[in-house]
C-alpha atoms as a PDB file:
ATOM      1  CA  UNK A   1      -0.036  51.625  24.387  1.00  0.00           C
ATOM      2  CA  UNK A   2       1.746  49.079  26.701  1.00  0.00           C
ATOM      3  CA  UNK A   3       1.722  46.130  24.413  1.00  0.00           C
ATOM      4  CA  UNK A   4       1.646  45.884  20.649  1.00  0.00           C
ATOM      5  CA  UNK A   5      -0.281  43.547  18.383  1.00  0.00           C
ATOM      6  CA  UNK A   6       2.787  41.390  17.476  1.00  0.00           C
ATOM      7  CA  UNK A   7       4.169  41.082  21.044  1.00  0.00           C
ATOM      8  CA  UNK A   8       3.235  37.457  21.509  1.00  0.00           C
ATOM      9  CA  UNK A   9       4.489  36.438  18.045  1.00  0.00           C
ATOM     10  CA  UNK A  10       7.756  38.169  18.647  1.00  0.00           C
ATOM     11  CA  UNK A  11       8.315  36.635  22.092  1.00  0.00           C
ATOM     12  CA  UNK A  12       7.495  33.133  20.686  1.00  0.00           C
ATOM     13  CA  UNK A  13      10.190  33.492  18.022  1.00  0.00           C
ATOM     14  CA  UNK A  14      12.642  35.910  19.733  1.00  0.00           C
ATOM     15  CA  UNK A  15      15.230  33.195  20.987  1.00  0.00           C
ATOM     16  CA  UNK A  16      15.682  31.804  17.549  1.00  0.00           C
ATOM     17  CA  UNK A  17      16.459  35.235  15.871  1.00  0.00           C
ATOM     18  CA  UNK A  18      19.919  36.398  14.965  1.00  0.00           C
ATOM     19  CA  UNK A  19      21.431  39.143  16.992  1.00  0.00           C
ATOM     20  CA  UNK A  20      20.354  42.104  14.828  1.00  0.00           C
ATOM     21  CA  UNK A  21      16.897  40.917  14.471  1.00  0.00           C
ATOM     22  CA  UNK A  22      16.740  40.534  18.234  1.00  0.00           C
ATOM     23  CA  UNK A  23      17.807  44.311  18.551  1.00  0.00           C
ATOM     24  CA  UNK A  24      15.000  45.292  16.047  1.00  0.00           C
ATOM     25  CA  UNK A  25      12.471  43.046  17.806  1.00  0.00           C
ATOM     26  CA  UNK A  26      13.486  44.422  21.319  1.00  0.00           C
ATOM     27  CA  UNK A  27      12.831  47.939  19.964  1.00  0.00           C
ATOM     28  CA  UNK A  28       9.268  46.931  18.727  1.00  0.00           C
ATOM     29  CA  UNK A  29       8.574  45.189  22.106  1.00  0.00           C
ATOM     30  CA  UNK A  30       9.706  48.110  24.193  1.00  0.00           C
ATOM     31  CA  UNK A  31       8.384  51.103  22.120  1.00  0.00           C
ATOM     32  CA  UNK A  32       5.064  50.027  20.504  1.00  0.00           C
ATOM     33  CA  UNK A  33       3.749  53.610  20.356  1.00  0.00           C
ATOM     34  CA  UNK A  34       6.829  54.765  18.375  1.00  0.00           C
ATOM     35  CA  UNK A  35       6.459  51.880  15.998  1.00  0.00           C
ATOM     36  CA  UNK A  36       3.148  53.451  15.032  1.00  0.00           C
ATOM     37  CA  UNK A  37       4.496  57.011  14.679  1.00  0.00           C
ATOM     38  CA  UNK A  38       8.049  57.058  13.509  1.00  0.00           C
ATOM     39  CA  UNK A  39       9.429  56.248  10.132  1.00  0.00           C
ATOM     40  CA  UNK A  40      11.200  52.958   9.556  1.00  0.00           C
ATOM     41  CA  UNK A  41      14.600  54.669   9.157  1.00  0.00           C
ATOM     42  CA  UNK A  42      14.210  56.498  12.357  1.00  0.00           C
ATOM     43  CA  UNK A  43      13.134  53.371  14.240  1.00  0.00           C
ATOM     44  CA  UNK A  44      16.158  51.478  12.764  1.00  0.00           C
ATOM     45  CA  UNK A  45      18.540  54.366  13.951  1.00  0.00           C
ATOM     46  CA  UNK A  46      17.136  54.240  17.386  1.00  0.00           C
ATOM     47  CA  UNK A  47      17.363  50.418  17.546  1.00  0.00           C
ATOM     48  CA  UNK A  48      21.005  50.596  16.353  1.00  0.00           C
ATOM     49  CA  UNK A  49      20.463  48.412  13.120  1.00  0.00           C
ATOM     50  CA  UNK A  50      20.302  49.099   9.369  1.00  0.00           C
ATOM     51  CA  UNK A  51      16.915  49.889   7.919  1.00  0.00           C
ATOM     52  CA  UNK A  52      16.999  46.579   6.056  1.00  0.00           C
ATOM     53  CA  UNK A  53      16.914  44.767   9.393  1.00  0.00           C
ATOM     54  CA  UNK A  54      13.454  46.134  10.117  1.00  0.00           C
ATOM     55  CA  UNK A  55      12.223  44.776   6.749  1.00  0.00           C
ATOM     56  CA  UNK A  56      13.787  41.403   7.589  1.00  0.00           C
ATOM     57  CA  UNK A  57      11.980  41.364  10.922  1.00  0.00           C
ATOM     58  CA  UNK A  58       8.733  41.971   9.260  1.00  0.00           C
ATOM     59  CA  UNK A  59       9.246  39.108   6.882  1.00  0.00           C
ATOM     60  CA  UNK A  60      10.456  36.858   9.731  1.00  0.00           C
ATOM     61  CA  UNK A  61       7.056  37.515  11.391  1.00  0.00           C
ATOM     62  CA  UNK A  62       5.344  36.588   8.069  1.00  0.00           C
ATOM     63  CA  UNK A  63       4.385  40.097   6.848  1.00  0.00           C
ATOM     64  CA  UNK A  64       4.935  41.771   3.507  1.00  0.00           C
ATOM     65  CA  UNK A  65       7.206  44.512   4.896  1.00  0.00           C
ATOM     66  CA  UNK A  66       7.615  46.908   7.718  1.00  0.00           C
ATOM     67  CA  UNK A  67       4.907  49.321   6.521  1.00  0.00           C
ATOM     68  CA  UNK A  68       2.589  46.484   7.505  1.00  0.00           C
ATOM     69  CA  UNK A  69       4.035  46.275  10.872  1.00  0.00           C
ATOM     70  CA  UNK A  70       3.612  50.132  11.334  1.00  0.00           C
ATOM     71  CA  UNK A  71       0.086  49.809   9.986  1.00  0.00           C
ATOM     72  CA  UNK A  72      -0.849  47.207  12.688  1.00  0.00           C
ATOM     73  CA  UNK A  73       0.660  49.279  15.366  1.00  0.00           C
ATOM     74  CA  UNK A  74      -1.034  52.596  14.118  1.00  0.00           C
ATOM     75  CA  UNK A  75      -4.420  50.662  14.113  1.00  0.00           C
ATOM     76  CA  UNK A  76      -3.699  49.698  17.689  1.00  0.00           C
ATOM     77  CA  UNK A  77      -2.930  53.227  18.693  1.00  0.00           C
ATOM     78  CA  UNK A  78      -6.155  54.382  17.106  1.00  0.00           C
ATOM     79  CA  UNK A  79      -8.255  51.782  18.861  1.00  0.00           C
ATOM     80  CA  UNK A  80      -6.875  52.873  22.191  1.00  0.00           C
ATOM     81  CA  UNK A  81      -7.543  56.516  21.483  1.00  0.00           C
ATOM     82  CA  UNK A  82     -10.846  58.409  21.899  1.00  0.00           C
ATOM     83  CA  UNK A  83     -13.101  59.286  18.982  1.00  0.00           C
ATOM     84  CA  UNK A  84     -13.456  62.383  16.739  1.00  0.00           C
ATOM     85  CA  UNK A  85     -14.364  64.756  19.737  1.00  0.00           C
ATOM     86  CA  UNK A  86     -11.102  64.056  21.538  1.00  0.00           C
ATOM     87  CA  UNK A  87      -9.046  64.293  18.340  1.00  0.00           C
ATOM     88  CA  UNK A  88     -10.780  67.618  17.591  1.00  0.00           C
ATOM     89  CA  UNK A  89      -9.777  68.942  21.045  1.00  0.00           C
ATOM     90  CA  UNK A  90      -6.174  67.849  20.385  1.00  0.00           C
ATOM     91  CA  UNK A  91      -6.353  69.536  16.901  1.00  0.00           C
ATOM     92  CA  UNK A  92      -7.710  72.714  18.489  1.00  0.00           C
ATOM     93  CA  UNK A  93      -4.912  72.906  21.060  1.00  0.00           C
ATOM     94  CA  UNK A  94      -2.193  72.269  18.457  1.00  0.00           C
ATOM     95  CA  UNK A  95      -3.806  74.842  16.143  1.00  0.00           C
ATOM     96  CA  UNK A  96      -3.796  77.553  18.899  1.00  0.00           C
ATOM     97  CA  UNK A  97      -0.223  76.785  19.662  1.00  0.00           C
ATOM     98  CA  UNK A  98       1.186  76.635  16.206  1.00  0.00           C
ATOM     99  CA  UNK A  99      -1.299  78.623  14.069  1.00  0.00           C
ATOM    100  CA  UNK A 100      -3.538  77.835  11.117  1.00  0.00           C
ATOM    101  CA  UNK A 101      -0.854  77.865   8.447  1.00  0.00           C
ATOM    102  CA  UNK A 102       1.151  75.284  10.287  1.00  0.00           C
ATOM    103  CA  UNK A 103      -1.812  72.985  10.559  1.00  0.00           C
ATOM    104  CA  UNK A 104      -2.571  73.483   6.807  1.00  0.00           C
ATOM    105  CA  UNK A 105       1.044  72.763   5.969  1.00  0.00           C
ATOM    106  CA  UNK A 106       0.970  69.612   8.179  1.00  0.00           C
ATOM    107  CA  UNK A 107      -2.143  68.328   6.313  1.00  0.00           C
ATOM    108  CA  UNK A 108      -0.616  69.027   2.959  1.00  0.00           C
ATOM    109  CA  UNK A 109       2.623  67.326   3.858  1.00  0.00           C
ATOM    110  CA  UNK A 110       0.871  64.231   5.281  1.00  0.00           C
ATOM    111  CA  UNK A 111      -1.383  63.793   2.247  1.00  0.00           C
ATOM    112  CA  UNK A 112       1.549  64.288  -0.057  1.00  0.00           C
ATOM    113  CA  UNK A 113       3.526  61.502   1.663  1.00  0.00           C
ATOM    114  CA  UNK A 114       0.557  59.192   1.681  1.00  0.00           C
ATOM    115  CA  UNK A 115      -0.096  59.680  -2.063  1.00  0.00           C
ATOM    116  CA  UNK A 116       3.701  59.083  -2.620  1.00  0.00           C
ATOM    117  CA  UNK A 117       3.341  55.749  -0.685  1.00  0.00           C
ATOM    118  CA  UNK A 118       0.905  54.498  -3.303  1.00  0.00           C
ATOM    119  CA  UNK A 119       3.919  54.273  -5.648  1.00  0.00           C
ATOM    120  CA  UNK A 120       5.483  51.591  -3.466  1.00  0.00           C
ATOM    121  CA  UNK A 121       5.816  48.447  -5.583  1.00  0.00           C
ATOM    122  CA  UNK A 122       3.780  46.319  -3.079  1.00  0.00           C
ATOM    123  CA  UNK A 123       0.831  48.854  -3.207  1.00  0.00           C
ATOM    124  CA  UNK A 124       1.090  49.191  -6.979  1.00  0.00           C
ATOM    125  CA  UNK A 125       0.862  45.427  -7.182  1.00  0.00           C
ATOM    126  CA  UNK A 126      -2.339  45.411  -4.951  1.00  0.00           C
ATOM    127  CA  UNK A 127      -3.893  48.229  -7.085  1.00  0.00           C
ATOM    128  CA  UNK A 128      -3.143  46.408 -10.401  1.00  0.00           C
ATOM    129  CA  UNK A 129      -4.456  43.077  -9.002  1.00  0.00           C
ATOM    130  CA  UNK A 130      -7.730  44.861  -7.955  1.00  0.00           C
ATOM    131  CA  UNK A 131      -8.012  46.471 -11.448  1.00  0.00           C
ATOM    132  CA  UNK A 132      -7.621  43.170 -13.207  1.00  0.00           C
ATOM    133  CA  UNK A 133     -10.234  41.514 -11.058  1.00  0.00           C
ATOM    134  CA  UNK A 134     -12.704  44.346 -11.749  1.00  0.00           C
ATOM    135  CA  UNK A 135     -11.944  44.514 -15.435  1.00  0.00           C
ATOM    136  CA  UNK A 136     -12.790  40.802 -15.703  1.00  0.00           C
ATOM    137  CA  UNK A 137     -16.042  41.048 -13.830  1.00  0.00           C
ATOM    138  CA  UNK A 138     -19.412  40.961 -15.622  1.00  0.00           C
ATOM    139  CA  UNK A 139     -20.779  43.661 -13.159  1.00  0.00           C
ATOM    140  CA  UNK A 140     -19.088  45.713 -10.496  1.00  0.00           C
ATOM    141  CA  UNK A 141     -21.109  46.535  -7.483  1.00  0.00           C
ATOM    142  CA  UNK A 142     -19.750  49.613  -5.798  1.00  0.00           C
ATOM    143  CA  UNK A 143     -20.249  49.968  -2.068  1.00  0.00           C
ATOM    144  CA  UNK A 144     -19.112  52.757   0.229  1.00  0.00           C
ATOM    145  CA  UNK A 145     -21.058  54.406   3.057  1.00  0.00           C
ATOM    146  CA  UNK A 146     -20.731  57.524   5.132  1.00  0.00           C
ATOM    147  CA  UNK A 147     -17.260  59.052   4.521  1.00  0.00           C
ATOM    148  CA  UNK A 148     -16.454  56.334   1.962  1.00  0.00           C
ATOM    149  CA  UNK A 149     -19.501  56.926  -0.181  1.00  0.00           C
ATOM    150  CA  UNK A 150     -17.926  59.631  -2.506  1.00  0.00           C
ATOM    151  CA  UNK A 151     -15.030  57.231  -3.167  1.00  0.00           C
ATOM    152  CA  UNK A 152     -17.427  54.468  -4.389  1.00  0.00           C
ATOM    153  CA  UNK A 153     -19.591  56.969  -6.191  1.00  0.00           C
ATOM    154  CA  UNK A 154     -16.699  58.496  -8.036  1.00  0.00           C
ATOM    155  CA  UNK A 155     -15.507  55.158  -9.240  1.00  0.00           C
ATOM    156  CA  UNK A 156     -19.080  54.284 -10.286  1.00  0.00           C
ATOM    157  CA  UNK A 157     -19.502  57.626 -11.992  1.00  0.00           C
ATOM    158  CA  UNK A 158     -16.352  57.253 -14.148  1.00  0.00           C
ATOM    159  CA  UNK A 159     -17.217  53.557 -14.879  1.00  0.00           C
ATOM    160  CA  UNK A 160     -20.655  54.647 -16.093  1.00  0.00           C
ATOM    161  CA  UNK A 161     -19.025  56.350 -18.909  1.00  0.00           C
ATOM    162  CA  UNK A 162     -17.621  52.968 -20.023  1.00  0.00           C
ATOM    163  CA  UNK A 163     -21.105  51.160 -20.058  1.00  0.00           C
ATOM    164  CA  UNK A 164     -23.534  49.823 -17.670  1.00  0.00           C
ATOM    165  CA  UNK A 165     -21.388  47.280 -15.778  1.00  0.00           C
ATOM    166  CA  UNK A 166     -21.015  49.347 -12.633  1.00  0.00           C
ATOM    167  CA  UNK A 167     -23.879  49.271 -10.142  1.00  0.00           C
ATOM    168  CA  UNK A 168     -23.823  51.725  -7.215  1.00  0.00           C
ATOM    169  CA  UNK A 169     -25.295  50.224  -4.021  1.00  0.00           C
ATOM    170  CA  UNK A 170     -27.275  53.284  -3.004  1.00  0.00           C
ATOM    171  CA  UNK A 171     -30.934  54.303  -3.354  1.00  0.00           C
ATOM    172  CA  UNK A 172     -33.603  56.120  -1.543  1.00  0.00           C
ATOM    173  CA  UNK A 173     -35.773  54.215   0.976  1.00  0.00           C
ATOM    174  CA  UNK A 174     -32.866  52.073   2.138  1.00  0.00           C
ATOM    175  CA  UNK A 175     -33.176  49.732  -0.878  1.00  0.00           C
ATOM    176  CA  UNK A 176     -29.599  50.238  -2.004  1.00  0.00           C
ATOM    177  CA  UNK A 177     -28.528  46.680  -1.170  1.00  0.00           C
ATOM    178  CA  UNK A 178     -31.396  45.106  -3.062  1.00  0.00           C
ATOM    179  CA  UNK A 179     -29.328  45.028  -6.303  1.00  0.00           C
ATOM    180  CA  UNK A 180     -26.951  42.417  -4.846  1.00  0.00           C
ATOM    181  CA  UNK A 181     -29.612  39.780  -4.621  1.00  0.00           C
ATOM    182  CA  UNK A 182     -28.979  38.949  -8.226  1.00  0.00           C
ATOM    183  CA  UNK A 183     -25.160  38.990  -7.947  1.00  0.00           C
ATOM    184  CA  UNK A 184     -23.304  35.869  -9.209  1.00  0.00           C
ATOM    185  CA  UNK A 185     -19.764  34.446  -9.215  1.00  0.00           C
ATOM    186  CA  UNK A 186     -19.026  36.374 -12.511  1.00  0.00           C
ATOM    187  CA  UNK A 187     -19.663  39.613 -10.828  1.00  0.00           C
ATOM    188  CA  UNK A 188     -17.484  41.483  -8.236  1.00  0.00           C
ATOM    189  CA  UNK A 189     -18.151  43.608  -5.126  1.00  0.00           C
ATOM    190  CA  UNK A 190     -15.879  46.576  -4.593  1.00  0.00           C
ATOM    191  CA  UNK A 191     -16.212  47.566  -0.914  1.00  0.00           C
ATOM    192  CA  UNK A 192     -14.658  50.650   0.650  1.00  0.00           C
ATOM    193  CA  UNK A 193     -14.470  51.134   4.342  1.00  0.00           C
ATOM    194  CA  UNK A 194     -12.201  52.618   6.853  1.00  0.00           C
ATOM    195  CA  UNK A 195     -12.114  52.774  10.682  1.00  0.00           C
ATOM    196  CA  UNK A 196     -14.584  53.172  12.303  1.00  0.00           C
ATOM    197  CA  UNK A 197     -16.082  50.734   9.968  1.00  0.00           C
ATOM    198  CA  UNK A 198     -19.616  51.140   8.890  1.00  0.00           C
ATOM    199  CA  UNK A 199     -21.758  48.168  10.015  1.00  0.00           C
ATOM    200  CA  UNK A 200     -23.865  48.050   6.918  1.00  0.00           C
ATOM    201  CA  UNK A 201     -20.797  47.838   4.615  1.00  0.00           C
ATOM    202  CA  UNK A 202     -19.391  44.797   6.573  1.00  0.00           C
ATOM    203  CA  UNK A 203     -22.782  43.094   6.837  1.00  0.00           C
ATOM    204  CA  UNK A 204     -23.262  43.478   3.005  1.00  0.00           C
ATOM    205  CA  UNK A 205     -19.816  42.127   2.328  1.00  0.00           C
ATOM    206  CA  UNK A 206     -20.588  39.078   4.482  1.00  0.00           C
ATOM    207  CA  UNK A 207     -23.884  38.606   2.593  1.00  0.00           C
ATOM    208  CA  UNK A 208     -22.078  38.735  -0.774  1.00  0.00           C
ATOM    209  CA  UNK A 209     -19.269  36.444   0.383  1.00  0.00           C
ATOM    210  CA  UNK A 210     -21.883  33.877   1.462  1.00  0.00           C
ATOM    211  CA  UNK A 211     -23.086  33.970  -2.144  1.00  0.00           C
ATOM    212  CA  UNK A 212     -19.570  33.170  -3.476  1.00  0.00           C
ATOM    213  CA  UNK A 213     -19.386  36.619  -5.162  1.00  0.00           C
ATOM    214  CA  UNK A 214     -15.667  37.753  -5.353  1.00  0.00           C
ATOM    215  CA  UNK A 215     -14.986  40.816  -3.077  1.00  0.00           C
ATOM    216  CA  UNK A 216     -12.168  43.367  -3.586  1.00  0.00           C
ATOM    217  CA  UNK A 217     -11.683  45.949  -0.860  1.00  0.00           C
ATOM    218  CA  UNK A 218     -10.166  49.325  -0.355  1.00  0.00           C
ATOM    219  CA  UNK A 219      -9.563  49.654   3.488  1.00  0.00           C
ATOM    220  CA  UNK A 220      -6.941  50.905   5.975  1.00  0.00           C
ATOM    221  CA  UNK A 221      -5.588  47.818   7.653  1.00  0.00           C
ATOM    222  CA  UNK A 222      -5.135  44.032   7.330  1.00  0.00           C
ATOM    223  CA  UNK A 223      -7.115  43.842  10.540  1.00  0.00           C
ATOM    224  CA  UNK A 224     -10.068  45.460   8.852  1.00  0.00           C
ATOM    225  CA  UNK A 225     -13.202  43.254   8.844  1.00  0.00           C
ATOM    226  CA  UNK A 226     -13.198  43.640   5.073  1.00  0.00           C
ATOM    227  CA  UNK A 227      -9.609  42.225   4.679  1.00  0.00           C
ATOM    228  CA  UNK A 228     -10.566  38.617   5.616  1.00  0.00           C
ATOM    229  CA  UNK A 229     -13.384  38.713   3.136  1.00  0.00           C
ATOM    230  CA  UNK A 230     -11.582  40.177   0.155  1.00  0.00           C
ATOM    231  CA  UNK A 231      -9.809  38.082  -2.484  1.00  0.00           C
ATOM    232  CA  UNK A 232      -7.817  41.263  -3.476  1.00  0.00           C
ATOM    233  CA  UNK A 233      -7.040  44.083  -1.164  1.00  0.00           C
ATOM    234  CA  UNK A 234      -5.666  47.597  -1.446  1.00  0.00           C
ATOM    235  CA  UNK A 235      -4.423  49.240   1.793  1.00  0.00           C
ATOM    236  CA  UNK A 236      -4.887  52.998   1.914  1.00  0.00           C
ATOM    237  CA  UNK A 237      -3.358  55.296   4.514  1.00  0.00           C
ATOM    238  CA  UNK A 238      -5.756  57.524   6.308  1.00  0.00           C
ATOM    239  CA  UNK A 239      -3.873  59.187   9.243  1.00  0.00           C
ATOM    240  CA  UNK A 240      -4.242  63.026   9.336  1.00  0.00           C
ATOM    241  CA  UNK A 241      -3.207  65.901  11.568  1.00  0.00           C
ATOM    242  CA  UNK A 242      -6.968  66.763  11.300  1.00  0.00           C
ATOM    243  CA  UNK A 243      -9.518  65.179  13.615  1.00  0.00           C
ATOM    244  CA  UNK A 244     -10.847  63.433  10.501  1.00  0.00           C
ATOM    245  CA  UNK A 245      -9.478  60.881   8.187  1.00  0.00           C
ATOM    246  CA  UNK A 246      -7.439  61.704   5.075  1.00  0.00           C
ATOM    247  CA  UNK A 247      -9.520  60.460   2.029  1.00  0.00           C
ATOM    248  CA  UNK A 248      -7.283  61.817  -0.742  1.00  0.00           C
ATOM    249  CA  UNK A 249      -5.256  58.614  -1.057  1.00  0.00           C
ATOM    250  CA  UNK A 250      -8.540  56.583  -1.562  1.00  0.00           C
ATOM    251  CA  UNK A 251      -9.729  58.912  -4.333  1.00  0.00           C
ATOM    252  CA  UNK A 252      -6.226  58.605  -6.019  1.00  0.00           C
ATOM    253  CA  UNK A 253      -6.680  54.749  -5.905  1.00  0.00           C
ATOM    254  CA  UNK A 254     -10.247  55.123  -7.297  1.00  0.00           C
ATOM    255  CA  UNK A 255      -8.944  57.204 -10.216  1.00  0.00           C
ATOM    256  CA  UNK A 256      -6.094  54.727 -10.950  1.00  0.00           C
ATOM    257  CA  UNK A 257      -8.555  51.779 -10.978  1.00  0.00           C
ATOM    258  CA  UNK A 258     -10.934  53.554 -13.308  1.00  0.00           C
ATOM    259  CA  UNK A 259      -7.988  54.344 -15.748  1.00  0.00           C
ATOM    260  CA  UNK A 260      -6.605  50.814 -15.662  1.00  0.00           C
ATOM    261  CA  UNK A 261     -10.074  49.265 -16.228  1.00  0.00           C
ATOM    262  CA  UNK A 262     -10.752  51.684 -19.141  1.00  0.00           C
ATOM    263  CA  UNK A 263      -7.409  50.831 -20.695  1.00  0.00           C
ATOM    264  CA  UNK A 264      -7.946  47.162 -20.425  1.00  0.00           C
ATOM    265  CA  UNK A 265     -11.321  47.559 -22.036  1.00  0.00           C
ATOM    266  CA  UNK A 266      -9.519  48.606 -25.260  1.00  0.00           C
ATOM    267  CA  UNK A 267     -11.869  49.294 -28.211  1.00  0.00           C
ATOM    268  CA  UNK A 268     -14.961  48.503 -26.253  1.00  0.00           C
ATOM    269  CA  UNK A 269     -14.097  51.304 -23.913  1.00  0.00           C
ATOM    270  CA  UNK A 270     -13.512  53.712 -26.695  1.00  0.00           C
ATOM    271  CA  UNK A 271     -16.884  52.903 -28.329  1.00  0.00           C
ATOM    272  CA  UNK A 272     -18.660  53.336 -24.951  1.00  0.00           C
ATOM    273  CA  UNK A 273     -16.894  56.663 -24.357  1.00  0.00           C
ATOM    274  CA  UNK A 274     -18.029  57.977 -27.808  1.00  0.00           C
ATOM    275  CA  UNK A 275     -21.682  56.987 -26.931  1.00  0.00           C
ATOM    276  CA  UNK A 276     -21.321  58.761 -23.708  1.00  0.00           C
ATOM    277  CA  UNK A 277     -19.929  62.003 -25.411  1.00  0.00           C
ATOM    278  CA  UNK A 278     -22.681  61.914 -28.011  1.00  0.00           C
ATOM    279  CA  UNK A 279     -25.373  61.705 -25.224  1.00  0.00           C
ATOM    280  CA  UNK A 280     -23.799  64.459 -23.185  1.00  0.00           C
ATOM    281  CA  UNK A 281     -23.620  66.662 -26.374  1.00  0.00           C
ATOM    282  CA  UNK A 282     -27.239  65.940 -27.186  1.00  0.00           C
ATOM    283  CA  UNK A 283     -28.420  67.212 -23.866  1.00  0.00           C
ATOM    284  CA  UNK A 284     -25.915  70.148 -23.756  1.00  0.00           C
ATOM    285  CA  UNK A 285     -24.600  68.983 -20.423  1.00  0.00           C
ATOM    286  CA  UNK A 286     -21.381  70.984 -20.507  1.00  0.00           C
ATOM    287  CA  UNK A 287     -21.095  74.749 -20.804  1.00  0.00           C
ATOM    288  CA  UNK A 288     -19.437  76.164 -23.827  1.00  0.00           C
ATOM    289  CA  UNK A 289     -19.236  79.507 -25.414  1.00  0.00           C
ATOM    290  CA  UNK A 290     -21.399  78.328 -28.290  1.00  0.00           C
ATOM    291  CA  UNK A 291     -24.199  77.287 -25.995  1.00  0.00           C
ATOM    292  CA  UNK A 292     -23.919  80.120 -23.469  1.00  0.00           C
END
C-alpha cells in the first residue's frame, strides 16, 4: 500500500503539529502497511516517540484513538488484497512451512487478543450504548446474512427467551425482509455485516433508515457502509491467520448484549424466562436422566 487513508489529512495539518507529533505523523505517512499490521507500541518505538504520542496524533486527526487509525489502515490493506482464494493460498504456504499446530496456535492467539480488546473502555462504552438502545426499543429487528447470519440468529434466539420483541429478518421464499414494512420509530434494527459487506444487508439498512427507524450496527470499520447509517456502533475485530474472518469477537458481543438487555428488563425478564422454562419443560425439550 503506497498511500494510507489519512495521508491527505495528515499533510494538511502536518506543519502545525508539534515536533513529536510530526515524528509520529511521518511514520504513518511513510509506512502505511506497518500501521495496519504492527501494535501501537511497536510503531511508537520505531517512530522514536512515546506510545501516548500515537494516541495524541489520532485525536489531533479527530479520531477516538490509535486503534481507529490502525483499523482504517487495516481496511485499506484488505481492500488492496485479493479475495478468499488468494488468502487461502497464502495460508496453505504458511501452513506447509510452519505446520498445523503453529497455525492453530496463531488463530487461538489472535482470537484471544481480539476478545481481550473488547474490554477496552471505548469498546465497552459502544457495547453498553447499543444494549441501552435495544433494551428501550419496542421491537428489535435482527439482521445478519451469510457469515453474519449466526450472530444475528444467536442474539434473536436468546432474546426470544425474554419475550416476543425480537424479530429475525429471515424466512423461506426470500420474504425475510417483509417484516420491516411495519417497523416504526419506536423499534430498532440491529444490523451485522463485515467486509465483504452483503448487499442485501446494506440495502435493508438504507430502507429502514429512510423510514426513520433507529439502526444499531455491529461491523468491522468506521468506513463500513453500515457505520454512516447507525446511531450506535460496535466495532468488532475480524482479522485472522485463516483465509476466513474471525467471528468469535462478534459472538462475544452478541452474548454481552443479550445479557445486558435481560438485566435491564428486571422482573419482566424473569417472568418471561419462567414462562420459557415452563414451555420447554412441557415439551421435554432437554434431555435428562428422568426422561431418558
